[in-house]
N, C-alpha and C. Protein backbone atom coordinates (compact mmCIF):
# COMPACT_ATOMS: atom_id res chain seq x y z
N UNK A 1 1.39 -3.39 -8.53
CA UNK A 1 0.64 -2.90 -7.39
C UNK A 1 0.32 -1.42 -7.53
N UNK A 2 1.29 -0.62 -7.88
CA UNK A 2 1.10 0.83 -7.85
C UNK A 2 -0.01 1.31 -8.78
N UNK A 3 -0.19 0.78 -10.00
CA UNK A 3 -1.27 1.31 -10.83
C UNK A 3 -2.66 1.16 -10.21
N UNK A 4 -2.82 0.28 -9.23
CA UNK A 4 -4.12 0.05 -8.62
C UNK A 4 -4.34 0.85 -7.34
N UNK A 5 -3.38 1.67 -6.96
CA UNK A 5 -3.48 2.45 -5.74
C UNK A 5 -3.99 3.84 -6.09
N UNK A 6 -5.02 4.28 -5.39
CA UNK A 6 -5.56 5.61 -5.63
C UNK A 6 -4.54 6.67 -5.25
N UNK A 7 -4.48 7.79 -5.99
CA UNK A 7 -3.55 8.87 -5.64
C UNK A 7 -3.85 9.45 -4.26
N UNK A 8 -2.82 9.91 -3.60
CA UNK A 8 -2.96 10.49 -2.27
C UNK A 8 -2.82 9.42 -1.21
N UNK A 9 -2.44 9.82 -0.03
CA UNK A 9 -2.31 8.86 1.07
C UNK A 9 -1.00 8.12 1.04
N UNK A 10 -0.95 7.00 1.74
CA UNK A 10 0.28 6.24 1.93
C UNK A 10 0.27 4.92 1.16
N UNK A 11 1.40 4.58 0.59
CA UNK A 11 1.66 3.24 0.07
C UNK A 11 2.68 2.62 1.02
N UNK A 12 2.34 1.49 1.61
CA UNK A 12 3.25 0.81 2.53
C UNK A 12 3.87 -0.37 1.80
N UNK A 13 5.20 -0.40 1.75
CA UNK A 13 5.92 -1.48 1.10
C UNK A 13 6.56 -2.37 2.15
N UNK A 14 6.30 -3.66 2.04
CA UNK A 14 7.02 -4.65 2.84
C UNK A 14 7.42 -5.75 1.89
N UNK A 15 8.70 -5.89 1.66
CA UNK A 15 9.21 -6.84 0.68
C UNK A 15 10.53 -7.35 1.21
N UNK A 16 10.70 -8.65 1.27
CA UNK A 16 11.89 -9.20 1.93
C UNK A 16 13.09 -9.38 1.02
N UNK A 17 12.97 -9.05 -0.24
CA UNK A 17 14.12 -9.16 -1.14
C UNK A 17 14.22 -10.48 -1.86
N UNK A 18 13.56 -11.50 -1.34
CA UNK A 18 13.58 -12.80 -2.01
C UNK A 18 14.99 -13.22 -2.38
N UNK A 19 15.23 -13.37 -3.66
CA UNK A 19 16.54 -13.78 -4.16
C UNK A 19 17.35 -12.61 -4.70
N UNK A 20 16.97 -11.41 -4.33
CA UNK A 20 17.65 -10.22 -4.83
C UNK A 20 19.04 -10.09 -4.22
N UNK A 21 19.87 -9.32 -4.91
CA UNK A 21 21.16 -8.89 -4.38
C UNK A 21 21.02 -7.42 -4.03
N UNK A 22 21.91 -6.86 -3.21
CA UNK A 22 21.78 -5.42 -2.92
C UNK A 22 21.72 -4.55 -4.17
N UNK A 23 22.48 -4.88 -5.20
CA UNK A 23 22.43 -4.09 -6.44
C UNK A 23 21.09 -4.18 -7.14
N UNK A 24 20.57 -5.38 -7.30
CA UNK A 24 19.28 -5.53 -7.97
C UNK A 24 18.13 -5.04 -7.09
N UNK A 25 18.32 -5.11 -5.77
CA UNK A 25 17.28 -4.61 -4.86
C UNK A 25 17.16 -3.10 -5.00
N UNK A 26 18.28 -2.42 -5.18
CA UNK A 26 18.24 -0.97 -5.37
C UNK A 26 17.46 -0.64 -6.63
N UNK A 27 17.64 -1.41 -7.69
CA UNK A 27 16.86 -1.21 -8.91
C UNK A 27 15.38 -1.38 -8.63
N UNK A 28 15.03 -2.36 -7.81
CA UNK A 28 13.64 -2.58 -7.43
C UNK A 28 13.10 -1.36 -6.68
N UNK A 29 13.86 -0.88 -5.69
CA UNK A 29 13.45 0.30 -4.91
C UNK A 29 13.27 1.49 -5.85
N UNK A 30 14.24 1.72 -6.72
CA UNK A 30 14.17 2.86 -7.65
C UNK A 30 12.95 2.75 -8.55
N UNK A 31 12.61 1.53 -8.98
CA UNK A 31 11.43 1.34 -9.82
C UNK A 31 10.14 1.69 -9.10
N UNK A 32 10.03 1.31 -7.83
CA UNK A 32 8.85 1.66 -7.03
C UNK A 32 8.76 3.17 -6.88
N UNK A 33 9.87 3.80 -6.54
CA UNK A 33 9.89 5.26 -6.35
C UNK A 33 9.54 5.96 -7.66
N UNK A 34 10.09 5.50 -8.78
CA UNK A 34 9.82 6.11 -10.08
C UNK A 34 8.34 6.03 -10.45
N UNK A 35 7.72 4.90 -10.16
CA UNK A 35 6.33 4.68 -10.53
C UNK A 35 5.33 5.27 -9.54
N UNK A 36 5.82 5.83 -8.45
CA UNK A 36 4.94 6.36 -7.42
C UNK A 36 4.15 7.56 -7.97
N UNK A 37 2.83 7.51 -7.91
CA UNK A 37 2.04 8.64 -8.41
C UNK A 37 2.29 9.90 -7.57
N UNK A 38 2.12 11.05 -8.20
CA UNK A 38 2.23 12.31 -7.47
C UNK A 38 1.25 12.32 -6.31
N UNK A 39 1.69 12.82 -5.19
CA UNK A 39 0.82 12.90 -4.02
C UNK A 39 0.77 11.64 -3.18
N UNK A 40 1.47 10.61 -3.60
CA UNK A 40 1.47 9.35 -2.85
C UNK A 40 2.68 9.34 -1.93
N UNK A 41 2.46 9.11 -0.66
CA UNK A 41 3.55 8.99 0.31
C UNK A 41 3.98 7.53 0.39
N UNK A 42 5.24 7.31 0.68
CA UNK A 42 5.79 5.97 0.70
C UNK A 42 6.34 5.65 2.09
N UNK A 43 5.85 4.56 2.67
CA UNK A 43 6.39 4.04 3.93
C UNK A 43 6.94 2.65 3.63
N UNK A 44 8.23 2.47 3.87
CA UNK A 44 8.87 1.20 3.54
C UNK A 44 9.26 0.49 4.82
N UNK A 45 8.80 -0.74 4.96
CA UNK A 45 9.12 -1.58 6.12
C UNK A 45 10.47 -2.24 5.85
N UNK A 46 11.43 -2.04 6.76
CA UNK A 46 12.76 -2.61 6.55
C UNK A 46 12.71 -4.13 6.70
N UNK A 47 13.35 -4.87 5.77
CA UNK A 47 13.30 -6.33 5.80
C UNK A 47 14.24 -6.92 6.83
N UNK A 48 13.86 -8.08 7.34
CA UNK A 48 14.72 -8.81 8.27
C UNK A 48 14.39 -10.29 8.20
N UNK A 49 15.42 -11.10 8.03
CA UNK A 49 15.29 -12.54 8.09
C UNK A 49 16.49 -13.05 8.87
N UNK A 50 16.26 -13.92 9.83
CA UNK A 50 17.33 -14.36 10.72
C UNK A 50 18.49 -15.01 9.97
N UNK A 51 18.23 -15.60 8.82
CA UNK A 51 19.28 -16.27 8.05
C UNK A 51 19.98 -15.34 7.08
N UNK A 52 19.51 -14.10 6.95
CA UNK A 52 20.06 -13.17 5.95
C UNK A 52 20.27 -11.78 6.54
N UNK A 53 20.74 -11.71 7.77
CA UNK A 53 20.88 -10.40 8.43
C UNK A 53 21.82 -9.46 7.68
N UNK A 54 22.94 -9.96 7.22
CA UNK A 54 23.90 -9.10 6.51
C UNK A 54 23.31 -8.59 5.20
N UNK A 55 22.69 -9.49 4.44
CA UNK A 55 22.05 -9.08 3.18
C UNK A 55 20.96 -8.06 3.45
N UNK A 56 20.15 -8.31 4.47
CA UNK A 56 19.05 -7.40 4.77
C UNK A 56 19.55 -6.04 5.22
N UNK A 57 20.68 -6.00 5.92
CA UNK A 57 21.26 -4.71 6.30
C UNK A 57 21.63 -3.91 5.06
N UNK A 58 22.15 -4.59 4.04
CA UNK A 58 22.45 -3.91 2.77
C UNK A 58 21.17 -3.43 2.10
N UNK A 59 20.11 -4.23 2.18
CA UNK A 59 18.83 -3.81 1.61
C UNK A 59 18.30 -2.57 2.30
N UNK A 60 18.43 -2.52 3.62
CA UNK A 60 17.96 -1.36 4.38
C UNK A 60 18.69 -0.10 3.90
N UNK A 61 19.98 -0.21 3.67
CA UNK A 61 20.74 0.94 3.17
C UNK A 61 20.23 1.35 1.79
N UNK A 62 19.93 0.35 0.94
CA UNK A 62 19.40 0.65 -0.39
C UNK A 62 18.04 1.35 -0.30
N UNK A 63 17.22 0.93 0.64
CA UNK A 63 15.92 1.58 0.85
C UNK A 63 16.14 3.03 1.28
N UNK A 64 16.99 3.25 2.27
CA UNK A 64 17.25 4.60 2.76
C UNK A 64 17.72 5.52 1.63
N UNK A 65 18.66 5.06 0.84
CA UNK A 65 19.17 5.87 -0.26
C UNK A 65 18.11 6.08 -1.34
N UNK A 66 17.33 5.05 -1.60
CA UNK A 66 16.36 5.12 -2.69
C UNK A 66 15.18 6.03 -2.42
N UNK A 67 14.77 6.14 -1.17
CA UNK A 67 13.59 6.96 -0.91
C UNK A 67 13.92 8.29 -0.25
N UNK A 68 15.20 8.55 -0.01
CA UNK A 68 15.60 9.77 0.70
C UNK A 68 15.14 11.04 -0.01
N UNK A 69 15.11 11.03 -1.32
CA UNK A 69 14.73 12.23 -2.06
C UNK A 69 13.22 12.41 -2.19
N UNK A 70 12.45 11.43 -1.75
CA UNK A 70 11.00 11.54 -1.84
C UNK A 70 10.50 12.64 -0.90
N UNK A 71 9.60 13.48 -1.38
CA UNK A 71 9.11 14.55 -0.52
C UNK A 71 8.26 14.05 0.65
N UNK A 72 7.70 12.88 0.50
CA UNK A 72 6.84 12.34 1.55
C UNK A 72 7.19 10.86 1.70
N UNK A 73 8.02 10.55 2.69
CA UNK A 73 8.43 9.16 2.87
C UNK A 73 8.68 8.89 4.34
N UNK A 74 8.68 7.61 4.68
CA UNK A 74 8.99 7.18 6.04
C UNK A 74 9.57 5.78 5.97
N UNK A 75 10.37 5.46 6.95
CA UNK A 75 10.91 4.11 7.06
C UNK A 75 10.37 3.50 8.35
N UNK A 76 9.77 2.33 8.22
CA UNK A 76 9.27 1.59 9.37
C UNK A 76 10.41 0.66 9.80
N UNK A 77 10.98 0.90 10.96
CA UNK A 77 12.20 0.23 11.40
C UNK A 77 11.92 -1.18 11.97
N UNK A 78 11.31 -2.01 11.15
CA UNK A 78 10.97 -3.36 11.55
C UNK A 78 12.22 -4.20 11.79
N UNK A 79 13.22 -4.08 10.93
CA UNK A 79 14.44 -4.88 11.08
C UNK A 79 15.09 -4.64 12.43
N UNK A 80 15.19 -3.39 12.83
CA UNK A 80 15.78 -3.07 14.13
C UNK A 80 14.94 -3.65 15.27
N UNK A 81 13.64 -3.54 15.15
CA UNK A 81 12.73 -4.02 16.20
C UNK A 81 12.83 -5.54 16.36
N UNK A 82 12.76 -6.26 15.24
CA UNK A 82 12.74 -7.73 15.34
C UNK A 82 14.12 -8.29 15.65
N UNK A 83 15.18 -7.58 15.29
CA UNK A 83 16.51 -8.07 15.66
C UNK A 83 16.72 -7.97 17.17
N UNK A 84 16.04 -7.02 17.80
CA UNK A 84 16.10 -6.87 19.26
C UNK A 84 15.17 -7.85 19.98
N UNK A 85 14.10 -8.25 19.29
CA UNK A 85 13.11 -9.14 19.91
C UNK A 85 12.68 -10.22 18.91
N UNK A 86 13.50 -11.27 18.73
CA UNK A 86 13.18 -12.31 17.75
C UNK A 86 11.86 -13.03 18.01
N UNK A 87 11.31 -12.92 19.22
CA UNK A 87 10.03 -13.56 19.52
C UNK A 87 8.86 -12.93 18.76
N UNK A 88 9.12 -11.81 18.09
CA UNK A 88 8.07 -11.21 17.26
C UNK A 88 7.77 -12.07 16.04
N UNK A 89 8.71 -12.95 15.69
CA UNK A 89 8.54 -13.84 14.54
C UNK A 89 8.06 -15.22 14.98
N UNK A 90 7.46 -15.90 14.02
CA UNK A 90 7.18 -17.32 14.21
C UNK A 90 8.50 -18.08 14.13
N UNK A 91 8.47 -19.37 14.33
CA UNK A 91 9.71 -20.16 14.32
C UNK A 91 10.40 -20.17 12.96
N UNK A 92 9.70 -19.79 11.89
CA UNK A 92 10.33 -19.78 10.57
C UNK A 92 11.31 -18.61 10.39
N UNK A 93 11.30 -17.66 11.32
CA UNK A 93 12.23 -16.54 11.24
C UNK A 93 11.92 -15.54 10.15
N UNK A 94 10.75 -15.62 9.57
CA UNK A 94 10.37 -14.72 8.47
C UNK A 94 9.02 -14.05 8.70
N UNK A 95 8.05 -14.80 9.21
CA UNK A 95 6.69 -14.28 9.36
C UNK A 95 6.42 -13.89 10.81
N UNK A 96 5.80 -12.72 10.99
CA UNK A 96 5.49 -12.32 12.37
C UNK A 96 4.39 -13.19 12.97
N UNK A 97 4.54 -13.47 14.26
CA UNK A 97 3.48 -14.13 15.00
C UNK A 97 2.41 -13.11 15.34
N UNK A 98 1.37 -13.49 16.08
CA UNK A 98 0.28 -12.56 16.40
C UNK A 98 0.76 -11.27 17.07
N UNK A 99 1.64 -11.37 18.07
CA UNK A 99 2.14 -10.17 18.73
C UNK A 99 3.02 -9.36 17.78
N UNK A 100 3.82 -10.06 16.96
CA UNK A 100 4.65 -9.38 15.97
C UNK A 100 3.83 -8.65 14.93
N UNK A 101 2.75 -9.27 14.47
CA UNK A 101 1.88 -8.62 13.49
C UNK A 101 1.25 -7.36 14.07
N UNK A 102 0.82 -7.42 15.32
CA UNK A 102 0.25 -6.24 15.95
C UNK A 102 1.30 -5.16 16.15
N UNK A 103 2.50 -5.57 16.53
CA UNK A 103 3.59 -4.62 16.70
C UNK A 103 3.91 -3.93 15.39
N UNK A 104 3.98 -4.70 14.29
CA UNK A 104 4.26 -4.13 12.99
C UNK A 104 3.13 -3.17 12.57
N UNK A 105 1.90 -3.56 12.78
CA UNK A 105 0.78 -2.68 12.45
C UNK A 105 0.85 -1.38 13.23
N UNK A 106 1.19 -1.48 14.51
CA UNK A 106 1.33 -0.26 15.34
C UNK A 106 2.46 0.62 14.82
N UNK A 107 3.56 0.01 14.38
CA UNK A 107 4.68 0.78 13.87
C UNK A 107 4.31 1.50 12.57
N UNK A 108 3.59 0.81 11.69
CA UNK A 108 3.15 1.43 10.44
C UNK A 108 2.21 2.60 10.75
N UNK A 109 1.28 2.39 11.66
CA UNK A 109 0.36 3.46 12.03
C UNK A 109 1.11 4.66 12.61
N UNK A 110 2.15 4.39 13.40
CA UNK A 110 2.89 5.48 14.03
C UNK A 110 3.60 6.36 12.98
N UNK A 111 4.08 5.78 11.90
CA UNK A 111 4.79 6.60 10.89
C UNK A 111 3.87 7.18 9.83
N UNK A 112 2.71 6.57 9.63
CA UNK A 112 1.82 7.07 8.58
C UNK A 112 0.69 7.95 9.14
N UNK A 113 0.55 7.93 10.46
CA UNK A 113 -0.47 8.77 11.09
C UNK A 113 -1.84 8.30 10.80
């Protein structure tokens, strides 16, 4: 993805971890940060899945640690938002419904300006 993004502006990452472990997820985060072009800001949406809350909490910590040193970064606190309001998701517990999608878009806009 990153080689196709023009320099400057924001790159928004939303990735649920799939079959990753916290250790391998950190490697994934570090790889994204390493490949980030100069001048590119990074906004990372925190993952949340109702069946993997503990794993996702570890992923959130890996994201925080991995992007903390970036000069231009933000965290979109989606996990916290959806854990407080599960109705933002469809019944599958993974994909946002229409109101959830709008809420997520508003949250991304709020952190990226």
